[in-house]
Amino acid sequence: MNIFGIGLPEMAVIMVVALLIFGPKKLPEIGRSVGKTIRSFQEASKDFQNEFQKEAEQLEEVVKTTAELEPKQIYPAKSEQDTASSSQSS
């Protein structure tokens, strides 16, 4: 088990130290508040990702629509021979 680069023995030491510092009555409250904080952070992260994805899709749609409305006008490139022959005939 490896959470945030912390193995099981390190996690046990952290739990014992937390139990000694905060006591058995405060520890569940602290655990709940940490859990709520992590959950709200995850929800905010998902909201950000969803919003970013929506904006990217809208931008993609605008670019696609613009490309369809304004077809590219491609003219054949004049070769050097065409340019030389037209300048000689003038």
PDB file of N, CA and C in Angstrom:
ATOM      1  N   MET A   1       0.854  -1.178   0.000  1.00  0.00           N
ATOM      2  CA  MET A   1       0.000   0.000   0.000  1.00  0.00           C
ATOM      3  C   MET A   1       0.892   1.231   0.000  1.00  0.00           C
ATOM      4  N   ASN A   2       0.699   2.099  -0.974  1.00  0.00           N
ATOM      5  CA  ASN A   2       1.553   3.260  -1.115  1.00  0.00           C
ATOM      6  C   ASN A   2       0.684   4.469  -1.473  1.00  0.00           C
ATOM      7  N   ILE A   3       0.417   5.318  -0.497  1.00  0.00           N
ATOM      8  CA  ILE A   3      -0.419   6.495  -0.709  1.00  0.00           C
ATOM      9  C   ILE A   3       0.468   7.732  -0.599  1.00  0.00           C
ATOM     10  N   PHE A   4       0.511   8.532  -1.660  1.00  0.00           N
ATOM     11  CA  PHE A   4       1.327   9.752  -1.702  1.00  0.00           C
ATOM     12  C   PHE A   4       2.792   9.469  -1.371  1.00  0.00           C
ATOM     13  N   GLY A   5       3.283   8.302  -1.745  1.00  0.00           N
ATOM     14  CA  GLY A   5       4.672   7.956  -1.482  1.00  0.00           C
ATOM     15  C   GLY A   5       4.932   7.548  -0.039  1.00  0.00           C
ATOM     16  N   ILE A   6       3.851   7.326   0.717  1.00  0.00           N
ATOM     17  CA  ILE A   6       3.996   6.926   2.122  1.00  0.00           C
ATOM     18  C   ILE A   6       3.557   5.483   2.239  1.00  0.00           C
ATOM     19  N   GLY A   7       4.421   4.645   2.788  1.00  0.00           N
ATOM     20  CA  GLY A   7       4.106   3.234   2.952  1.00  0.00           C
ATOM     21  C   GLY A   7       3.293   2.990   4.215  1.00  0.00           C
ATOM     22  N   LEU A   8       2.973   1.720   4.459  1.00  0.00           N
ATOM     23  CA  LEU A   8       2.161   1.334   5.609  1.00  0.00           C
ATOM     24  C   LEU A   8       2.837   1.649   6.943  1.00  0.00           C
ATOM     25  N   PRO A   9       4.137   1.380   7.123  1.00  0.00           N
ATOM     26  CA  PRO A   9       4.765   1.710   8.415  1.00  0.00           C
ATOM     27  C   PRO A   9       4.755   3.216   8.714  1.00  0.00           C
ATOM     28  N   GLU A  10       5.028   4.022   7.702  1.00  0.00           N
ATOM     29  CA  GLU A  10       5.013   5.473   7.905  1.00  0.00           C
ATOM     30  C   GLU A  10       3.617   5.966   8.243  1.00  0.00           C
ATOM     31  N   MET A  11       2.598   5.375   7.588  1.00  0.00           N
ATOM     32  CA  MET A  11       1.215   5.753   7.856  1.00  0.00           C
ATOM     33  C   MET A  11       0.837   5.417   9.295  1.00  0.00           C
ATOM     34  N   ALA A  12       1.293   4.268   9.791  1.00  0.00           N
ATOM     35  CA  ALA A  12       1.000   3.868  11.170  1.00  0.00           C
ATOM     36  C   ALA A  12       1.638   4.836  12.162  1.00  0.00           C
ATOM     37  N   VAL A  13       2.862   5.261  11.890  1.00  0.00           N
ATOM     38  CA  VAL A  13       3.543   6.209  12.778  1.00  0.00           C
ATOM     39  C   VAL A  13       2.801   7.541  12.789  1.00  0.00           C
ATOM     40  N   ILE A  14       2.382   7.999  11.632  1.00  0.00           N
ATOM     41  CA  ILE A  14       1.634   9.260  11.551  1.00  0.00           C
ATOM     42  C   ILE A  14       0.334   9.157  12.338  1.00  0.00           C
ATOM     43  N   MET A  15      -0.371   8.023  12.227  1.00  0.00           N
ATOM     44  CA  MET A  15      -1.629   7.842  12.954  1.00  0.00           C
ATOM     45  C   MET A  15      -1.399   7.835  14.465  1.00  0.00           C
ATOM     46  N   VAL A  16      -0.349   7.189  14.932  1.00  0.00           N
ATOM     47  CA  VAL A  16      -0.057   7.150  16.366  1.00  0.00           C
ATOM     48  C   VAL A  16       0.281   8.547  16.871  1.00  0.00           C
ATOM     49  N   VAL A  17       1.081   9.285  16.131  1.00  0.00           N
ATOM     50  CA  VAL A  17       1.436  10.653  16.539  1.00  0.00           C
ATOM     51  C   VAL A  17       0.192  11.536  16.559  1.00  0.00           C
ATOM     52  N   ALA A  18      -0.666  11.404  15.559  1.00  0.00           N
ATOM     53  CA  ALA A  18      -1.903  12.186  15.528  1.00  0.00           C
ATOM     54  C   ALA A  18      -2.800  11.823  16.706  1.00  0.00           C
ATOM     55  N   LEU A  19      -2.860  10.558  17.041  1.00  0.00           N
ATOM     56  CA  LEU A  19      -3.664  10.120  18.183  1.00  0.00           C
ATOM     57  C   LEU A  19      -3.132  10.705  19.479  1.00  0.00           C
ATOM     58  N   LEU A  20      -1.811  10.751  19.615  1.00  0.00           N
ATOM     59  CA  LEU A  20      -1.205  11.317  20.824  1.00  0.00           C
ATOM     60  C   LEU A  20      -1.414  12.825  20.909  1.00  0.00           C
ATOM     61  N   ILE A  21      -1.329  13.511  19.784  1.00  0.00           N
ATOM     62  CA  ILE A  21      -1.451  14.969  19.785  1.00  0.00           C
ATOM     63  C   ILE A  21      -2.901  15.404  19.988  1.00  0.00           C
ATOM     64  N   PHE A  22      -3.825  14.834  19.231  1.00  0.00           N
ATOM     65  CA  PHE A  22      -5.202  15.312  19.252  1.00  0.00           C
ATOM     66  C   PHE A  22      -6.106  14.545  20.198  1.00  0.00           C
ATOM     67  N   GLY A  23      -5.750  13.341  20.555  1.00  0.00           N
ATOM     68  CA  GLY A  23      -6.581  12.549  21.454  1.00  0.00           C
ATOM     69  C   GLY A  23      -7.653  11.790  20.694  1.00  0.00           C
ATOM     70  N   PRO A  24      -8.233  10.778  21.346  1.00  0.00           N
ATOM     71  CA  PRO A  24      -9.208   9.921  20.665  1.00  0.00           C
ATOM     72  C   PRO A  24     -10.534  10.623  20.369  1.00  0.00           C
ATOM     73  N   LYS A  25     -10.871  11.695  21.091  1.00  0.00           N
ATOM     74  CA  LYS A  25     -12.150  12.369  20.860  1.00  0.00           C
ATOM     75  C   LYS A  25     -12.095  13.299  19.645  1.00  0.00           C
ATOM     76  N   LYS A  26     -10.979  13.956  19.435  1.00  0.00           N
ATOM     77  CA  LYS A  26     -10.848  14.917  18.326  1.00  0.00           C
ATOM     78  C   LYS A  26     -10.493  14.250  16.998  1.00  0.00           C
ATOM     79  N   LEU A  27      -9.888  13.087  17.058  1.00  0.00           N
ATOM     80  CA  LEU A  27      -9.393  12.447  15.837  1.00  0.00           C
ATOM     81  C   LEU A  27     -10.502  12.172  14.813  1.00  0.00           C
ATOM     82  N   PRO A  28     -11.677  11.662  15.185  1.00  0.00           N
ATOM     83  CA  PRO A  28     -12.728  11.469  14.167  1.00  0.00           C
ATOM     84  C   PRO A  28     -13.197  12.778  13.527  1.00  0.00           C
ATOM     85  N   GLU A  29     -13.264  13.850  14.310  1.00  0.00           N
ATOM     86  CA  GLU A  29     -13.650  15.153  13.760  1.00  0.00           C
ATOM     87  C   GLU A  29     -12.633  15.625  12.728  1.00  0.00           C
ATOM     88  N   ILE A  30     -11.382  15.481  13.055  1.00  0.00           N
ATOM     89  CA  ILE A  30     -10.315  15.902  12.145  1.00  0.00           C
ATOM     90  C   ILE A  30     -10.350  15.054  10.867  1.00  0.00           C
ATOM     91  N   GLY A  31     -10.580  13.759  11.019  1.00  0.00           N
ATOM     92  CA  GLY A  31     -10.677  12.877   9.852  1.00  0.00           C
ATOM     93  C   GLY A  31     -11.825  13.275   8.942  1.00  0.00           C
ATOM     94  N   ARG A  32     -12.980  13.604   9.540  1.00  0.00           N
ATOM     95  CA  ARG A  32     -14.134  14.030   8.738  1.00  0.00           C
ATOM     96  C   ARG A  32     -13.839  15.327   7.999  1.00  0.00           C
ATOM     97  N   SER A  33     -13.250  16.280   8.704  1.00  0.00           N
ATOM     98  CA  SER A  33     -12.980  17.569   8.055  1.00  0.00           C
ATOM     99  C   SER A  33     -11.952  17.419   6.932  1.00  0.00           C
ATOM    100  N   VAL A  34     -10.956  16.566   7.148  1.00  0.00           N
ATOM    101  CA  VAL A  34      -9.972  16.327   6.076  1.00  0.00           C
ATOM    102  C   VAL A  34     -10.651  15.644   4.895  1.00  0.00           C
ATOM    103  N   GLY A  35     -11.519  14.672   5.167  1.00  0.00           N
ATOM    104  CA  GLY A  35     -12.249  13.994   4.099  1.00  0.00           C
ATOM    105  C   GLY A  35     -13.125  14.947   3.308  1.00  0.00           C
ATOM    106  N   LYS A  36     -13.839  15.847   4.015  1.00  0.00           N
ATOM    107  CA  LYS A  36     -14.688  16.833   3.338  1.00  0.00           C
ATOM    108  C   LYS A  36     -13.854  17.767   2.475  1.00  0.00           C
ATOM    109  N   THR A  37     -12.706  18.168   3.000  1.00  0.00           N
ATOM    110  CA  THR A  37     -11.828  19.066   2.242  1.00  0.00           C
ATOM    111  C   THR A  37     -11.335  18.393   0.971  1.00  0.00           C
ATOM    112  N   ILE A  38     -10.911  17.144   1.080  1.00  0.00           N
ATOM    113  CA  ILE A  38     -10.423  16.416  -0.093  1.00  0.00           C
ATOM    114  C   ILE A  38     -11.551  16.226  -1.098  1.00  0.00           C
ATOM    115  N   ARG A  39     -12.757  15.885  -0.615  1.00  0.00           N
ATOM    116  CA  ARG A  39     -13.902  15.693  -1.497  1.00  0.00           C
ATOM    117  C   ARG A  39     -14.250  16.983  -2.229  1.00  0.00           C
ATOM    118  N   SER A  40     -14.249  18.112  -1.517  1.00  0.00           N
ATOM    119  CA  SER A  40     -14.574  19.380  -2.178  1.00  0.00           C
ATOM    120  C   SER A  40     -13.505  19.759  -3.197  1.00  0.00           C
ATOM    121  N   PHE A  41     -12.255  19.446  -2.885  1.00  0.00           N
ATOM    122  CA  PHE A  41     -11.182  19.709  -3.848  1.00  0.00           C
ATOM    123  C   PHE A  41     -11.366  18.865  -5.105  1.00  0.00           C
ATOM    124  N   GLN A  42     -11.739  17.595  -4.944  1.00  0.00           N
ATOM    125  CA  GLN A  42     -11.966  16.721  -6.097  1.00  0.00           C
ATOM    126  C   GLN A  42     -13.141  17.223  -6.937  1.00  0.00           C
ATOM    127  N   GLU A  43     -14.214  17.668  -6.277  1.00  0.00           N
ATOM    128  CA  GLU A  43     -15.373  18.181  -7.004  1.00  0.00           C
ATOM    129  C   GLU A  43     -15.012  19.450  -7.781  1.00  0.00           C
ATOM    130  N   ALA A  44     -14.240  20.326  -7.152  1.00  0.00           N
ATOM    131  CA  ALA A  44     -13.821  21.547  -7.832  1.00  0.00           C
ATOM    132  C   ALA A  44     -12.939  21.210  -9.035  1.00  0.00           C
ATOM    133  N   SER A  45     -12.091  20.222  -8.879  1.00  0.00           N
ATOM    134  CA  SER A  45     -11.221  19.801  -9.973  1.00  0.00           C
ATOM    135  C   SER A  45     -12.038  19.232 -11.130  1.00  0.00           C
ATOM    136  N   LYS A  46     -13.049  18.411 -10.817  1.00  0.00           N
ATOM    137  CA  LYS A  46     -13.913  17.859 -11.863  1.00  0.00           C
ATOM    138  C   LYS A  46     -14.698  18.963 -12.560  1.00  0.00           C
ATOM    139  N   ASP A  47     -15.205  19.923 -11.782  1.00  0.00           N
ATOM    140  CA  ASP A  47     -15.931  21.045 -12.377  1.00  0.00           C
ATOM    141  C   ASP A  47     -15.039  21.828 -13.333  1.00  0.00           C
ATOM    142  N   PHE A  48     -13.804  22.059 -12.921  1.00  0.00           N
ATOM    143  CA  PHE A  48     -12.854  22.778 -13.775  1.00  0.00           C
ATOM    144  C   PHE A  48     -12.596  22.001 -15.065  1.00  0.00           C
ATOM    145  N   GLN A  49     -12.398  20.697 -14.946  1.00  0.00           N
ATOM    146  CA  GLN A  49     -12.153  19.883 -16.134  1.00  0.00           C
ATOM    147  C   GLN A  49     -13.355  19.892 -17.072  1.00  0.00           C
ATOM    148  N   ASN A  50     -14.563  19.771 -16.502  1.00  0.00           N
ATOM    149  CA  ASN A  50     -15.765  19.786 -17.328  1.00  0.00           C
ATOM    150  C   ASN A  50     -15.933  21.122 -18.034  1.00  0.00           C
ATOM    151  N   GLU A  51     -15.710  22.212 -17.320  1.00  0.00           N
ATOM    152  CA  GLU A  51     -15.835  23.546 -17.913  1.00  0.00           C
ATOM    153  C   GLU A  51     -14.799  23.746 -19.018  1.00  0.00           C
ATOM    154  N   PHE A  52     -13.587  23.307 -18.763  1.00  0.00           N
ATOM    155  CA  PHE A  52     -12.523  23.416 -19.760  1.00  0.00           C
ATOM    156  C   PHE A  52     -12.875  22.605 -21.001  1.00  0.00           C
ATOM    157  N   GLN A  53     -13.417  21.398 -20.811  1.00  0.00           N
ATOM    158  CA  GLN A  53     -13.799  20.539 -21.927  1.00  0.00           C
ATOM    159  C   GLN A  53     -14.920  21.177 -22.743  1.00  0.00           C
ATOM    160  N   LYS A  54     -15.912  21.769 -22.066  1.00  0.00           N
ATOM    161  CA  LYS A  54     -17.011  22.426 -22.767  1.00  0.00           C
ATOM    162  C   LYS A  54     -16.503  23.585 -23.621  1.00  0.00           C
ATOM    163  N   GLU A  55     -15.617  24.388 -23.050  1.00  0.00           N
ATOM    164  CA  GLU A  55     -15.060  25.524 -23.797  1.00  0.00           C
ATOM    165  C   GLU A  55     -14.246  25.045 -24.996  1.00  0.00           C
ATOM    166  N   ALA A  56     -13.490  23.980 -24.826  1.00  0.00           N
ATOM    167  CA  ALA A  56     -12.697  23.452 -25.939  1.00  0.00           C
ATOM    168  C   ALA A  56     -13.604  22.941 -27.049  1.00  0.00           C
ATOM    169  N   GLU A  57     -14.699  22.260 -26.671  1.00  0.00           N
ATOM    170  CA  GLU A  57     -15.638  21.764 -27.684  1.00  0.00           C
ATOM    171  C   GLU A  57     -16.326  22.919 -28.410  1.00  0.00           C
ATOM    172  N   GLN A  58     -16.700  23.975 -27.683  1.00  0.00           N
ATOM    173  CA  GLN A  58     -17.322  25.134 -28.318  1.00  0.00           C
ATOM    174  C   GLN A  58     -16.363  25.807 -29.286  1.00  0.00           C
ATOM    175  N   LEU A  59     -15.118  25.946 -28.874  1.00  0.00           N
ATOM    176  CA  LEU A  59     -14.111  26.546 -29.740  1.00  0.00           C
ATOM    177  C   LEU A  59     -13.897  25.703 -30.991  1.00  0.00           C
ATOM    178  N   GLU A  60     -13.864  24.380 -30.815  1.00  0.00           N
ATOM    179  CA  GLU A  60     -13.715  23.483 -31.951  1.00  0.00           C
ATOM    180  C   GLU A  60     -14.876  23.637 -32.924  1.00  0.00           C
ATOM    181  N   GLU A  61     -16.086  23.752 -32.387  1.00  0.00           N
ATOM    182  CA  GLU A  61     -17.279  23.910 -33.217  1.00  0.00           C
ATOM    183  C   GLU A  61     -17.240  25.227 -33.989  1.00  0.00           C
ATOM    184  N   VAL A  62     -16.795  26.299 -33.337  1.00  0.00           N
ATOM    185  CA  VAL A  62     -16.702  27.599 -34.002  1.00  0.00           C
ATOM    186  C   VAL A  62     -15.690  27.544 -35.137  1.00  0.00           C
ATOM    187  N   VAL A  63     -14.562  26.918 -34.883  1.00  0.00           N
ATOM    188  CA  VAL A  63     -13.531  26.809 -35.921  1.00  0.00           C
ATOM    189  C   VAL A  63     -14.052  25.975 -37.092  1.00  0.00           C
ATOM    190  N   LYS A  64     -14.745  24.897 -36.793  1.00  0.00           N
ATOM    191  CA  LYS A  64     -15.281  24.037 -37.849  1.00  0.00           C
ATOM    192  C   LYS A  64     -16.325  24.790 -38.678  1.00  0.00           C
ATOM    193  N   THR A  65     -17.221  25.514 -38.003  1.00  0.00           N
ATOM    194  CA  THR A  65     -18.251  26.278 -38.695  1.00  0.00           C
ATOM    195  C   THR A  65     -17.634  27.369 -39.559  1.00  0.00           C
ATOM    196  N   THR A  66     -16.643  28.060 -39.032  1.00  0.00           N
ATOM    197  CA  THR A  66     -15.974  29.119 -39.787  1.00  0.00           C
ATOM    198  C   THR A  66     -15.277  28.540 -41.014  1.00  0.00           C
ATOM    199  N   ALA A  67     -14.661  27.387 -40.853  1.00  0.00           N
ATOM    200  CA  ALA A  67     -13.967  26.756 -41.978  1.00  0.00           C
ATOM    201  C   ALA A  67     -14.958  26.347 -43.061  1.00  0.00           C
ATOM    202  N   GLU A  68     -16.158  25.931 -42.657  1.00  0.00           N
ATOM    203  CA  GLU A  68     -17.168  25.543 -43.647  1.00  0.00           C
ATOM    204  C   GLU A  68     -17.749  26.762 -44.360  1.00  0.00           C
ATOM    205  N   LEU A  69     -17.896  27.868 -43.642  1.00  0.00           N
ATOM    206  CA  LEU A  69     -18.482  29.066 -44.227  1.00  0.00           C
ATOM    207  C   LEU A  69     -17.522  29.787 -45.162  1.00  0.00           C
ATOM    208  N   GLU A  70     -16.266  29.747 -44.842  1.00  0.00           N
ATOM    209  CA  GLU A  70     -15.263  30.440 -45.640  1.00  0.00           C
ATOM    210  C   GLU A  70     -14.338  29.416 -46.296  1.00  0.00           C
ATOM    211  N   PRO A  71     -14.743  28.864 -47.436  1.00  0.00           N
ATOM    212  CA  PRO A  71     -13.863  27.880 -48.085  1.00  0.00           C
ATOM    213  C   PRO A  71     -12.573  28.549 -48.536  1.00  0.00           C
ATOM    214  N   LYS A  72     -11.538  27.802 -48.451  1.00  0.00           N
ATOM    215  CA  LYS A  72     -10.236  28.342 -48.844  1.00  0.00           C
ATOM    216  C   LYS A  72     -10.193  28.525 -50.352  1.00  0.00           C
ATOM    217  N   GLN A  73      -9.640  29.636 -50.759  1.00  0.00           N
ATOM    218  CA  GLN A  73      -9.466  29.892 -52.183  1.00  0.00           C
ATOM    219  C   GLN A  73      -8.008  29.620 -52.514  1.00  0.00           C
ATOM    220  N   ILE A  74      -7.807  28.546 -53.207  1.00  0.00           N
ATOM    221  CA  ILE A  74      -6.441  28.139 -53.547  1.00  0.00           C
ATOM    222  C   ILE A  74      -6.206  28.432 -55.017  1.00  0.00           C
ATOM    223  N   TYR A  75      -5.232  29.254 -55.280  1.00  0.00           N
ATOM    224  CA  TYR A  75      -4.869  29.584 -56.642  1.00  0.00           C
ATOM    225  C   TYR A  75      -3.624  28.801 -56.997  1.00  0.00           C
ATOM    226  N   PRO A  76      -3.554  28.327 -58.221  1.00  0.00           N
ATOM    227  CA  PRO A  76      -2.340  27.601 -58.615  1.00  0.00           C
ATOM    228  C   PRO A  76      -1.142  28.553 -58.598  1.00  0.00           C
ATOM    229  N   ALA A  77      -0.057  28.076 -58.079  1.00  0.00           N
ATOM    230  CA  ALA A  77       1.146  28.899 -58.013  1.00  0.00           C
ATOM    231  C   ALA A  77       1.737  29.034 -59.401  1.00  0.00           C
ATOM    232  N   LYS A  78       2.151  30.246 -59.722  1.00  0.00           N
ATOM    233  CA  LYS A  78       2.775  30.476 -61.023  1.00  0.00           C
ATOM    234  C   LYS A  78       4.200  29.958 -60.971  1.00  0.00           C
ATOM    235  N   SER A  79       4.551  29.197 -61.970  1.00  0.00           N
ATOM    236  CA  SER A  79       5.916  28.690 -62.018  1.00  0.00           C
ATOM    237  C   SER A  79       6.821  29.765 -62.609  1.00  0.00           C
ATOM    238  N   GLU A  80       8.091  29.579 -62.504  1.00  0.00           N
ATOM    239  CA  GLU A  80       9.049  30.549 -63.033  1.00  0.00           C
ATOM    240  C   GLU A  80       8.945  30.645 -64.554  1.00  0.00           C
ATOM    241  N   GLN A  81       8.618  29.542 -65.203  1.00  0.00           N
ATOM    242  CA  GLN A  81       8.498  29.553 -66.662  1.00  0.00           C
ATOM    243  C   GLN A  81       7.318  30.407 -67.094  1.00  0.00           C
ATOM    244  N   ASP A  82       6.180  30.282 -66.374  1.00  0.00           N
ATOM    245  CA  ASP A  82       5.015  31.096 -66.703  1.00  0.00           C
ATOM    246  C   ASP A  82       5.332  32.567 -66.511  1.00  0.00           C
ATOM    247  N   THR A  83       6.025  32.894 -65.438  1.00  0.00           N
ATOM    248  CA  THR A  83       6.378  34.286 -65.151  1.00  0.00           C
ATOM    249  C   THR A  83       7.339  34.805 -66.204  1.00  0.00           C
ATOM    250  N   ALA A  84       8.323  34.007 -66.598  1.00  0.00           N
ATOM    251  CA  ALA A  84       9.312  34.423 -67.601  1.00  0.00           C
ATOM    252  C   ALA A  84       8.650  34.582 -68.978  1.00  0.00           C
ATOM    253  N   SER A  85       7.770  33.685 -69.335  1.00  0.00           N
ATOM    254  CA  SER A  85       7.136  33.772 -70.648  1.00  0.00           C
ATOM    255  C   SER A  85       6.183  34.953 -70.725  1.00  0.00           C
ATOM    256  N   SER A  86       5.495  35.272 -69.638  1.00  0.00           N
ATOM    257  CA  SER A  86       4.582  36.402 -69.660  1.00  0.00           C
ATOM    258  C   SER A  86       5.352  37.727 -69.667  1.00  0.00           C
ATOM    259  N   SER A  87       6.509  37.779 -69.036  1.00  0.00           N
ATOM    260  CA  SER A  87       7.296  39.013 -69.050  1.00  0.00           C
ATOM    261  C   SER A  87       7.985  39.202 -70.399  1.00  0.00           C
ATOM    262  N   GLN A  88       8.322  38.124 -71.102  1.00  0.00           N
ATOM    263  CA  GLN A  88       8.953  38.233 -72.412  1.00  0.00           C
ATOM    264  C   GLN A  88       7.946  38.665 -73.455  1.00  0.00           C
ATOM    265  N   SER A  89       6.726  38.224 -73.350  1.00  0.00           N
ATOM    266  CA  SER A  89       5.734  38.577 -74.357  1.00  0.00           C
ATOM    267  C   SER A  89       5.272  40.010 -74.214  1.00  0.00           C
ATOM    268  N   SER A  90       5.505  40.649 -73.101  1.00  0.00           N
ATOM    269  CA  SER A  90       5.061  42.044 -72.911  1.00  0.00           C
ATOM    270  C   SER A  90       5.991  43.023 -73.507  1.00  0.00           C
TER     271      SER A  90
END
